[in-house]
Structures are given as structure tokens and as C-alpha cells.
Protein backbone atom coordinates (compact mmCIF):
# COMPACT_ATOMS: atom_id res chain seq x y z
CA MET A 1 -4.77 -25.07 12.98
CA SER A 2 -2.83 -24.06 10.15
CA GLN A 3 -4.60 -22.32 6.96
CA GLN A 4 -3.86 -23.15 3.60
CA GLN A 5 -2.01 -21.60 1.25
CA GLY A 6 -2.03 -19.39 -1.08
CA GLY A 7 -3.38 -20.65 -4.60
CA GLU A 8 -6.23 -21.20 -7.11
CA GLY A 9 -9.11 -20.66 -5.90
CA GLU A 10 -8.50 -19.04 -2.90
CA GLY A 11 -8.88 -15.01 -0.74
CA GLU A 12 -6.87 -13.11 1.21
CA GLN A 13 -4.40 -14.19 3.86
CA GLY A 14 -4.18 -17.50 2.06
CA LEU A 15 -8.18 -18.84 2.82
CA PRO A 16 -10.43 -20.43 0.17
CA LEU A 17 -13.03 -18.51 -1.19
CA GLU A 18 -16.05 -19.57 0.58
CA GLN A 19 -17.51 -19.48 -2.54
CA ASP A 20 -15.48 -22.51 -3.82
CA MET A 21 -15.91 -24.21 -1.08
CA PHE A 22 -19.68 -24.59 -1.59
CA ASN A 23 -18.55 -26.26 -4.92
CA LEU A 24 -18.54 -29.89 -4.36
CA ARG A 25 -16.56 -30.60 -7.74
CA PHE A 26 -13.63 -27.99 -6.48
CA ARG A 27 -10.89 -29.60 -6.15
CA ASN A 28 -12.54 -32.48 -6.23
CA ASP A 29 -11.51 -35.30 -9.31
CA GLN A 30 -13.49 -38.53 -8.07
CA LEU A 31 -16.98 -36.95 -8.52
CA PRO A 32 -18.01 -37.88 -11.22
CA SER A 33 -20.18 -36.02 -14.11
CA GLY A 34 -23.37 -36.43 -14.14
CA LYS A 35 -25.78 -35.17 -12.24
CA CYS A 36 -25.21 -35.75 -8.34
CA VAL A 37 -27.86 -36.02 -5.42
CA TYR A 38 -27.33 -34.50 -1.80
CA ILE A 39 -29.71 -35.99 0.75
CA GLN A 40 -29.33 -34.26 3.93
CA SER A 41 -31.06 -35.62 7.12
CA GLY A 42 -33.21 -33.03 8.56
CA ASP A 43 -35.24 -32.67 11.42
CA PRO A 44 -38.15 -30.35 12.69
CA GLY A 45 -37.02 -28.79 15.44
CA ASP A 46 -32.89 -28.31 15.36
CA PHE A 47 -32.26 -24.59 14.49
CA ASP A 48 -28.49 -25.65 12.99
CA GLY A 49 -30.82 -28.31 10.67
CA TYR A 50 -32.28 -25.44 8.89
CA MET A 51 -29.13 -24.09 8.24
CA ILE A 52 -27.67 -27.28 6.68
CA GLY A 53 -30.92 -26.35 4.29
CA VAL A 54 -29.99 -22.89 3.62
CA ALA A 55 -26.52 -24.01 2.76
CA GLY A 56 -28.38 -26.41 0.77
CA ALA A 57 -29.42 -23.84 -1.72
CA GLU A 58 -25.84 -22.42 -1.62
CA LEU A 59 -24.49 -25.94 -2.76
CA GLU A 60 -26.94 -26.26 -5.54
CA LYS A 61 -25.89 -22.43 -6.59
CA ARG A 62 -22.33 -22.98 -6.66
CA THR A 63 -22.27 -26.66 -7.37
CA GLU A 64 -23.31 -27.82 -11.38
CA ASP A 65 -25.50 -30.25 -11.66
CA LEU A 66 -26.42 -30.91 -8.39
CA GLN A 67 -29.60 -32.07 -6.86
CA PHE A 68 -30.06 -30.73 -2.86
CA VAL A 69 -32.99 -32.48 -1.08
CA ILE A 70 -33.95 -32.72 2.24
CA VAL A 71 -35.57 -35.81 4.44
CA MET A 72 -37.55 -34.29 7.00
CA PRO A 73 -38.88 -37.36 9.50
CA GLU A 74 -41.86 -36.82 11.47
CA ARG A 75 -40.75 -37.44 14.83
CA ARG A 76 -43.58 -38.89 17.80
CA ALA A 77 -44.91 -36.05 18.84
CA CYS A 78 -48.11 -35.60 22.08
CA ALA A 79 -48.92 -32.53 23.14
CA ASP A 80 -49.73 -33.41 26.67
CA ARG A 81 -46.09 -32.21 28.04
CA GLU A 82 -47.06 -34.46 31.39
CA GLU A 83 -47.56 -37.85 28.85
CA PRO A 84 -45.58 -40.74 31.11
CA ASN A 85 -45.48 -42.44 28.02
CA VAL A 86 -42.59 -41.15 25.50
CA ASN A 87 -43.64 -42.75 22.38
CA LYS A 88 -47.24 -41.64 22.48
CA HIS A 89 -48.10 -40.29 18.62
CA ASP A 90 -50.80 -37.97 18.42
CA GLU A 91 -51.43 -37.41 14.86
CA GLY A 92 -53.67 -34.35 14.87
CA PHE A 93 -50.13 -32.53 16.62
CA SER A 94 -47.62 -34.37 14.50
CA GLU A 95 -49.50 -32.53 11.77
CA GLU A 96 -48.93 -28.96 13.50
CA VAL A 97 -45.46 -29.85 14.09
CA MET A 98 -44.37 -31.41 10.54
CA HIS A 99 -46.85 -28.12 9.23
CA VAL A 100 -44.76 -25.84 10.99
CA ALA A 101 -41.23 -27.48 10.02
CA GLY A 102 -42.26 -27.33 6.31
CA ARG A 103 -43.28 -23.62 5.79
CA LEU A 104 -40.09 -22.65 7.47
CA ILE A 105 -37.82 -25.30 5.22
CA ARG A 106 -39.65 -24.35 1.83
CA TYR A 107 -39.55 -20.87 2.96
CA LEU A 108 -35.60 -20.85 3.90
CA CYS A 109 -35.55 -23.85 0.37
CA PRO A 110 -38.07 -22.51 -1.67
CA HIS A 111 -36.33 -24.55 -4.72
CA SER A 112 -35.16 -27.49 -2.31
CA PHE A 113 -36.69 -31.62 -2.97
CA ILE A 114 -38.40 -31.65 0.27
CA VAL A 115 -39.40 -35.10 1.23
CA ARG A 116 -41.35 -35.89 4.11
CA GLY A 117 -40.05 -39.02 6.34
CA PRO A 118 -41.67 -41.44 8.28
CA VAL A 119 -42.01 -41.22 11.40
CA ASN A 120 -39.23 -41.93 14.27
CA THR A 121 -39.86 -45.14 15.42
CA ARG A 122 -37.91 -44.10 18.76
CA ASN A 123 -38.04 -41.50 21.72
CA VAL A 124 -37.18 -41.91 24.87
CA ILE A 125 -36.49 -38.17 26.44
CA PRO A 126 -39.31 -37.22 28.54
CA LEU A 127 -41.70 -35.03 26.90
CA LYS A 128 -41.97 -32.58 29.04
CA PHE A 129 -38.12 -31.45 27.80
CA ILE A 130 -38.93 -31.91 24.16
CA PHE A 131 -38.75 -29.18 21.61
CA SER A 132 -42.77 -28.13 20.43
CA GLU A 133 -42.21 -26.74 17.16
CA PRO A 134 -45.72 -25.35 17.00
CA GLU A 135 -45.11 -23.34 20.60
CA HIS A 136 -41.56 -22.03 19.64
CA TYR A 137 -41.42 -21.53 15.45
CA GLY A 138 -45.47 -21.16 15.19
CA PRO A 139 -45.89 -17.44 15.70
CA ILE A 140 -42.06 -16.98 13.73
CA VAL A 141 -44.09 -19.26 10.47
CA SER A 142 -47.36 -17.01 10.94
CA ASN A 143 -45.43 -14.13 9.68
CA LEU A 144 -44.22 -16.07 6.65
CA PRO A 145 -45.65 -15.24 3.08
CA PRO A 146 -48.37 -17.82 2.38
CA GLY A 147 -47.31 -20.74 -0.03
CA ALA A 148 -47.34 -24.35 0.25
CA VAL A 149 -44.94 -27.30 1.10
CA TYR A 150 -45.31 -29.55 -1.56
CA TRP A 151 -43.79 -32.70 0.51
CA ARG A 152 -42.13 -35.19 -1.90
CA SER A 153 -42.18 -38.82 -0.87
CA VAL A 154 -39.71 -41.41 -0.59
CA GLU A 155 -40.90 -43.13 -3.30
CA ASP A 156 -39.95 -40.27 -5.03
CA LEU A 157 -36.86 -39.73 -3.49
CA ALA A 158 -36.21 -43.40 -4.51
CA SER A 159 -37.50 -42.32 -8.07
CA LEU A 160 -35.06 -39.35 -8.39
CA VAL A 161 -31.69 -41.33 -7.05
CA ALA A 162 -32.53 -44.09 -9.55
CA ASP A 163 -32.31 -42.22 -12.75
CA GLU A 164 -29.84 -42.77 -15.17
CA GLN A 165 -28.76 -39.23 -15.66
CA VAL A 166 -28.22 -39.57 -11.78
CA SER A 167 -23.99 -40.69 -11.92
CA SER A 168 -23.31 -39.65 -7.21
CA VAL A 169 -25.87 -39.37 -4.05
CA VAL A 170 -24.02 -37.73 -0.85
CA LEU A 171 -25.32 -38.32 2.17
CA ASP A 172 -24.85 -37.08 5.89
CA MET A 173 -26.47 -38.69 8.93
CA ASN A 174 -26.90 -35.10 10.18
CA GLY A 175 -30.37 -36.06 11.63
CA SER A 176 -32.46 -39.38 12.02
CA VAL A 177 -31.91 -41.98 8.74
CA GLY A 178 -34.99 -43.49 9.18
CA TYR A 179 -35.97 -43.11 5.33
CA LEU A 180 -33.95 -44.81 4.39
CA LYS A 181 -34.66 -48.53 5.62
CA GLN A 182 -37.69 -47.53 2.75
CA LEU A 183 -35.34 -46.13 0.61
CA LEU A 184 -32.72 -49.22 0.47
CA GLN A 185 -35.85 -51.28 -0.50
CA LEU A 186 -36.85 -49.57 -3.62
CA TYR A 187 -33.67 -48.71 -4.63
CA PRO A 188 -31.02 -51.28 -3.52
CA LYS A 189 -28.11 -50.12 -5.70
CA LEU A 190 -28.31 -46.59 -4.11
CA GLY A 191 -24.65 -47.71 -1.75
CA ALA A 192 -22.89 -47.98 -5.50
CA LYS A 193 -24.02 -44.11 -5.71
CA VAL A 194 -23.00 -42.90 -3.04
CA HIS A 195 -20.00 -44.84 -3.73
CA ALA A 196 -19.33 -43.17 -6.65
CA SER A 197 -19.29 -39.59 -5.16
CA GLY A 198 -15.64 -39.93 -4.12
CA MET A 199 -17.02 -38.63 -0.64
CA PRO A 200 -17.31 -39.71 2.54
CA VAL A 201 -21.18 -40.47 4.26
CA THR A 202 -20.90 -38.01 7.71
CA VAL A 203 -22.14 -39.05 10.79
CA MET A 204 -22.85 -37.34 13.41
CA ALA A 205 -22.92 -39.75 16.30
CA GLY A 206 -21.01 -41.80 18.48
CA ILE A 207 -18.57 -41.28 21.08
CA LEU A 208 -15.15 -41.15 22.02
CA ALA A 209 -14.37 -44.48 23.93
CA GLU A 210 -11.67 -42.57 26.30
CA ALA A 211 -14.52 -40.46 27.78
CA GLU A 212 -17.06 -40.60 29.82
CA THR A 213 -20.71 -40.61 28.82
CA ALA A 214 -22.51 -37.01 28.41
CA THR A 215 -26.11 -38.23 27.46
CA MET A 216 -28.90 -37.57 29.55
CA ARG A 217 -29.09 -40.55 31.67
CA VAL A 218 -33.31 -41.87 31.38
CA PRO A 219 -35.10 -45.06 30.92
CA GLY A 220 -34.70 -46.83 28.04
CA ARG A 221 -31.42 -45.33 26.34
CA ASP A 222 -28.28 -46.82 26.75
CA PRO A 223 -25.76 -44.02 27.84
CA ARG A 224 -23.42 -44.64 24.97
CA SER A 225 -26.15 -43.85 21.95
CA THR A 226 -26.68 -40.25 20.88
CA MET A 227 -29.88 -39.07 19.05
CA ASN A 228 -29.32 -39.45 15.80
CA ALA A 229 -29.14 -42.87 15.76
CA LEU A 230 -31.32 -43.50 18.53
CA TYR A 231 -34.36 -41.79 16.86
CA HIS A 232 -34.21 -45.31 14.29
CA ALA A 233 -31.28 -48.12 15.27
CA GLU A 234 -32.30 -50.44 12.55
CA SER A 235 -31.93 -47.44 9.25
CA SER A 236 -28.58 -46.54 11.82
CA LYS A 237 -27.28 -50.35 11.15
CA MET A 238 -28.82 -50.56 7.57
CA LEU A 239 -26.14 -47.48 6.53
CA LEU A 240 -23.45 -48.85 8.30
CA GLN A 241 -24.01 -52.56 6.37
CA MET A 242 -24.99 -49.94 3.57
CA ALA A 243 -21.77 -48.65 3.66
CA LYS A 244 -19.49 -51.82 4.78
CA GLU A 245 -20.98 -53.42 1.13
CA ASN A 246 -20.02 -50.55 -0.82
CA GLU A 247 -16.71 -49.22 0.64
CA VAL A 248 -18.28 -46.13 1.44
CA PRO A 249 -16.31 -44.50 4.04
CA LEU A 250 -17.87 -42.48 7.46
CA LEU A 251 -16.65 -39.56 8.46
CA PHE A 252 -17.70 -39.53 11.99
CA ILE A 253 -18.53 -36.20 13.96
CA THR A 254 -18.44 -36.89 17.94
CA ASN A 255 -20.53 -34.13 20.14
CA ASN A 256 -17.20 -34.31 22.21
CA VAL A 257 -15.49 -32.88 19.50
CA CYS A 258 -18.95 -30.03 18.44
CA ASN A 259 -18.66 -29.03 22.11
CA LYS A 260 -14.94 -27.95 21.89
CA LEU A 261 -15.15 -26.15 18.38
CA LEU A 262 -18.50 -23.93 18.64
CA ARG A 263 -19.60 -23.95 21.83
CA PHE A 264 -22.12 -20.47 22.34
CA GLU A 265 -23.37 -19.23 25.75
CA ASN A 266 -26.24 -18.45 24.47
CA ALA A 267 -28.77 -17.27 21.17
CA THR A 268 -27.37 -13.89 22.05
CA GLU A 269 -23.58 -14.48 21.42
CA ILE A 270 -24.79 -17.05 18.47
CA ALA A 271 -27.08 -14.48 16.71
CA ARG A 272 -23.69 -11.88 17.53
CA VAL A 273 -20.85 -14.06 16.07
CA MET A 274 -22.43 -16.00 13.09
CA GLY A 275 -23.93 -13.11 11.67
CA LEU A 276 -27.74 -13.93 12.19
CA GLN A 277 -30.05 -11.77 11.72
CA GLY A 278 -34.22 -11.22 11.25
CA LEU A 279 -35.87 -14.90 10.47
CA MET A 280 -32.60 -16.86 11.63
CA SER A 281 -31.71 -14.85 14.22
CA GLU A 282 -35.48 -15.40 15.62
CA LEU A 283 -35.29 -19.10 15.29
CA ALA A 284 -31.89 -19.58 16.87
CA ARG A 285 -33.24 -17.68 20.01
CA SER A 286 -36.17 -20.25 20.14
CA TRP A 287 -34.04 -22.96 19.95
CA TYR A 288 -31.40 -22.27 22.67
CA GLY A 289 -33.17 -21.47 25.21
CA PRO A 290 -32.47 -20.26 29.05
CA HIS A 291 -32.07 -23.53 29.58
CA LEU A 292 -29.20 -24.31 27.25
CA THR A 293 -27.16 -21.01 28.89
CA GLY A 294 -23.56 -22.20 27.99
CA ARG A 295 -24.42 -25.41 26.19
CA CYS A 296 -25.31 -23.72 22.82
CA VAL A 297 -23.57 -26.02 20.26
CA PRO A 298 -24.45 -25.81 16.18
CA PHE A 299 -23.74 -29.75 16.01
CA ASP A 300 -24.85 -29.76 12.31
CA TRP A 301 -22.55 -26.53 11.39
CA VAL A 302 -19.41 -28.69 12.52
CA SER A 303 -20.71 -31.62 10.86
CA PHE A 304 -21.21 -29.82 7.43
CA CYS A 305 -18.54 -28.03 7.07
CA SER A 306 -16.49 -31.38 7.68
CA LEU A 307 -18.22 -32.69 4.22
CA LEU A 308 -17.43 -28.89 2.98
CA LEU A 309 -13.26 -29.73 4.16
CA HIS A 310 -12.51 -33.23 4.08
CA LYS A 311 -10.30 -33.96 1.63
CA ARG A 312 -10.45 -30.38 -0.38
CA PHE A 313 -9.11 -28.14 2.42
CA GLU A 314 -7.06 -29.85 4.56
CA GLY A 315 -5.32 -27.44 5.77
CA LEU A 316 -8.08 -26.42 8.23
CA ILE A 317 -9.64 -29.62 9.25
CA ARG A 318 -8.05 -32.22 11.48
CA CYS A 319 -9.24 -36.00 11.40
CA GLU A 320 -7.88 -39.10 12.75
CA PRO A 321 -8.43 -42.74 12.25
CA ARG A 322 -10.48 -44.98 14.32
CA GLN A 323 -11.78 -48.80 15.39
CA LEU A 324 -15.56 -48.38 15.28
CA TYR A 325 -17.33 -50.73 17.69
CA VAL A 326 -20.92 -51.38 17.45
CA GLY A 327 -23.60 -52.49 19.72
CA ALA A 328 -24.60 -55.62 19.24
CA ASP A 329 -28.01 -55.49 20.40
CA ASP A 330 -28.40 -51.99 19.60
CA PRO A 331 -26.63 -50.53 16.74
CA SER A 332 -27.24 -47.05 17.98
CA VAL A 333 -24.53 -47.83 19.98
CA MET A 334 -21.13 -46.52 18.54
CA VAL A 335 -17.81 -46.28 20.19
CA LEU A 336 -15.05 -45.07 18.88
CA LEU A 337 -11.71 -46.13 20.04
CA GLU A 338 -7.94 -45.13 19.09
CA PRO A 339 -6.08 -47.45 17.81
CA GLY A 340 -3.39 -48.63 20.66
CA LEU A 341 -5.37 -46.72 22.98
CA PRO A 342 -5.15 -48.37 26.55
CA ILE A 343 -7.37 -50.07 27.77
CA THR A 344 -8.87 -48.13 30.76
CA PRO A 345 -11.83 -48.99 33.06
CA THR A 346 -13.73 -46.41 31.03
CA VAL A 347 -12.60 -47.82 27.46
CA GLU A 348 -13.71 -50.91 28.54
CA GLN A 349 -17.10 -49.74 30.09
CA ASN A 350 -17.56 -48.46 26.51
CA LEU A 351 -16.72 -51.35 24.37
CA GLU A 352 -18.39 -53.54 26.45
CA GLY A 353 -21.24 -55.57 24.10
CA ALA A 354 -19.83 -53.43 21.35
CA LYS A 355 -18.33 -55.50 18.10
CA PHE A 356 -15.35 -54.48 15.82
CA TRP A 357 -16.98 -52.58 12.74
CA GLY A 358 -14.02 -51.84 11.39
CA GLU A 359 -11.68 -48.77 10.53
CA VAL A 360 -13.66 -44.92 10.08
CA MET A 361 -12.08 -41.07 10.02
CA SER A 362 -13.48 -39.38 13.22
CA VAL A 363 -12.82 -35.37 13.07
CA VAL A 364 -10.28 -33.84 15.72
CA ASP A 365 -10.78 -30.39 14.87
CA ILE A 366 -11.06 -27.51 12.19
CA ASP A 367 -10.54 -24.37 11.98
CA ARG A 368 -13.01 -21.80 13.36
CA ASP A 369 -12.32 -18.64 11.56
CA ILE A 370 -13.02 -20.56 8.42
CA MET A 371 -16.74 -22.33 9.98
CA LEU A 372 -18.19 -19.32 11.22
CA LYS A 373 -16.58 -17.18 7.15
CA LEU A 374 -18.74 -20.26 5.39
CA VAL A 375 -21.75 -19.34 8.04
CA HIS A 376 -21.63 -15.13 7.43
CA PHE A 377 -20.71 -16.37 3.81
CA THR A 378 -24.31 -18.57 3.70
CA MET A 379 -26.51 -15.84 5.53
CA ASP A 380 -25.57 -13.14 3.26
CA SER A 381 -26.39 -14.81 0.16
CA SER A 382 -30.10 -15.40 1.63
CA ASP A 383 -32.79 -12.80 1.77
CA GLN A 384 -34.99 -15.24 3.20
CA CYS A 385 -32.63 -15.85 6.41
CA LYS A 386 -32.35 -11.83 6.88
CA GLN A 387 -36.18 -11.85 6.40
CA PRO A 388 -37.91 -9.18 9.06
CA VAL A 389 -40.10 -11.25 11.71
CA SER A 390 -42.75 -9.14 12.67
């Protein structure tokens, strides 16, 4: 991609200074004065979600009057890998999962507002394929200094965003938005504050209409459903409804694009290219196991960079308008159609049973060098990320 021309806030070779990118008020006349709350949709297992948590701490440091919030959903958890019921929920094991995830995110983000979200309503992946946080991350957490998580509730989050001093809210859908149903019930005016931010909701979901579906074929899953929407389809529907009612722009980042832009062979390559050390390197090696060889993609980082760059550093990101179609019976089905695209058999099949929702933007390309510069800057700015793991 072409790079930005030199100017205010830009460093060597015409590239913007990374610290200015983490200042959401830089080159952003739409973000109003007053307190801004950024809500990240997290995940107990995803390595790249923890990267966003660390980046959120950097957002707080660089953006005046910004509060970063992480909502960590409770996932359906079962210690028995051979259990055939994919939706079986073992509360005791789930507590182990949340303990490990909570300790990690609190250590990496010591000052953030960390919310325990509701349990995801749906799982379709066989339990033998589900990542076990206690097994893989537990030994790492056991070597961290002792400390409490200080979980906050969705009620606490509602009180935060409802505060009259909060003038704007930024949302992402990098993980489950299961918390959104309760949050909207407690604070129905949320959409107005999201609109006030002038920033899009980044949606890490959806498929391109012209592409063959590549999701795991399992019973109970429409192959057009991607995981973030699948976890809690009702809340995904409510997100779309809130966006439409409040004219909130949506910026989609599909798996297709992420695979094209930031794909690695294995965890060793990720650690080397992204400059990961200590704790973050160990997390990456635990998450990207041998079964992902050749398919290691930090999806959430692509989504996060999209939010930082969109409309602020347009020479580093390219987006295109798409028509969003949503499953009539299953709102986790989200299909992005390019206007004027010929209706091939693949397109026809992907649009089957889906209804036109409206116009959205979809990321096509991002400057790879700047994505890597941003992650290097984030990791270098955090002492916790570099903490050696015994």
C-alpha cells in the first residue's frame, strides 16, 4: 500500500508516530470532549485478545480522558474432552478457566476496568478441540506474582457508561458480545453514546459473499457463521439493531482478509516477527500449537489496527463498501456482498435465507509494516509483556 506523506505527528520515512496512533483524539475531530469509554469484547483463550488488552492500556496512556474496559465472557467449559454434549457446562471447571484468564488480563492490564461477562449461550465445536486455559495457560499464571483480579459486573459497566461525564463509547466485536443484551437492558441509551464517538464498531465476523466458506463443518453450525457472532447470536442481533437505530457505522474485518494480511507459519515466527518476549512469547507458543502450523493468524490485531487507522491514517488502510445480509433465522450469519457483483452459484448459496440489512464498510488491505510497528511499540511499552516466565 502507499504510505502517508510526512507531516504533523509523523516520524521517519513519512510514517505516523505510533504514539499518536494510540491517541484516539489525534486526527479525530469527531470524538467529543468529555470522558470516552472503550469496551473490548474479550475471550478467555485467544492470545491475540490479550494483545488487545495490553494495547488498551496504551490507549489509556495516550488518549486524554479515556477509560479502557475489557469484558471477559464466561465460556461454556467442560474438563471432559470426550463429552459428546458440546454445550455441557461444568461450573467448577469454568471457574478455573476464569481464574486463569482473570489473573492474566489483570497482570497485563493492571489499571483497566475488567468485567466478567455472562456465559456464552452456544458452542458448536467438539470439546476435544476446545483450548483449555487451565492446562495451557495455568502453568504460566502460576509463575506470576500473586494478585486479585477485582472483577466488575455488567451492572458496574452500565453505571460507568451511564455517567453524565461519559460523552462517548467505542465498541469492538473482537470476541463475544454476550454482555450487550444485559447492558442495553440496563442502559438503553448506549447507542447514542456509541454514535457520539464518531468511530465505527469494528466487527470481527462475517464472510465475503463471493468466497467459499472455510469454517469448521460441525453439527448445529451454519458454515456461514463465524465464532464471535455464533457465541451469542441474540446479542449480535441486538448490536446490529442498535447500530441501525443510532446510525452507528460498522467496519467489518473478515477471516478472509486477516488470513491474507497477517498469517504466520508457527508461534516461533510470530514471536520473532512481532517482537514478543517473555510472557507474551509463552502465551503465543501455548495458543498456536502444532495443529495450527501454517495457519497462525492474530485476527484481533488486524481488527484493532483497523480501528486505529480508519479515517485517521487513510493511506495505510483500504476499505470498500459492502451490502450486509443477515440470516433471517440465525443472526450469526453475516454475509458481505460487493455491490454489482455477479450472482454466481457461490454467491447465491451464501445469500440463501439472508436478508439485506444495510450498507457497511469492509477492510480490504492494511499496511503490514505499520501493523508490525504498532505491535512492537505496544510490547516495548509494557514491562509486563516482557516479564520472564520461569
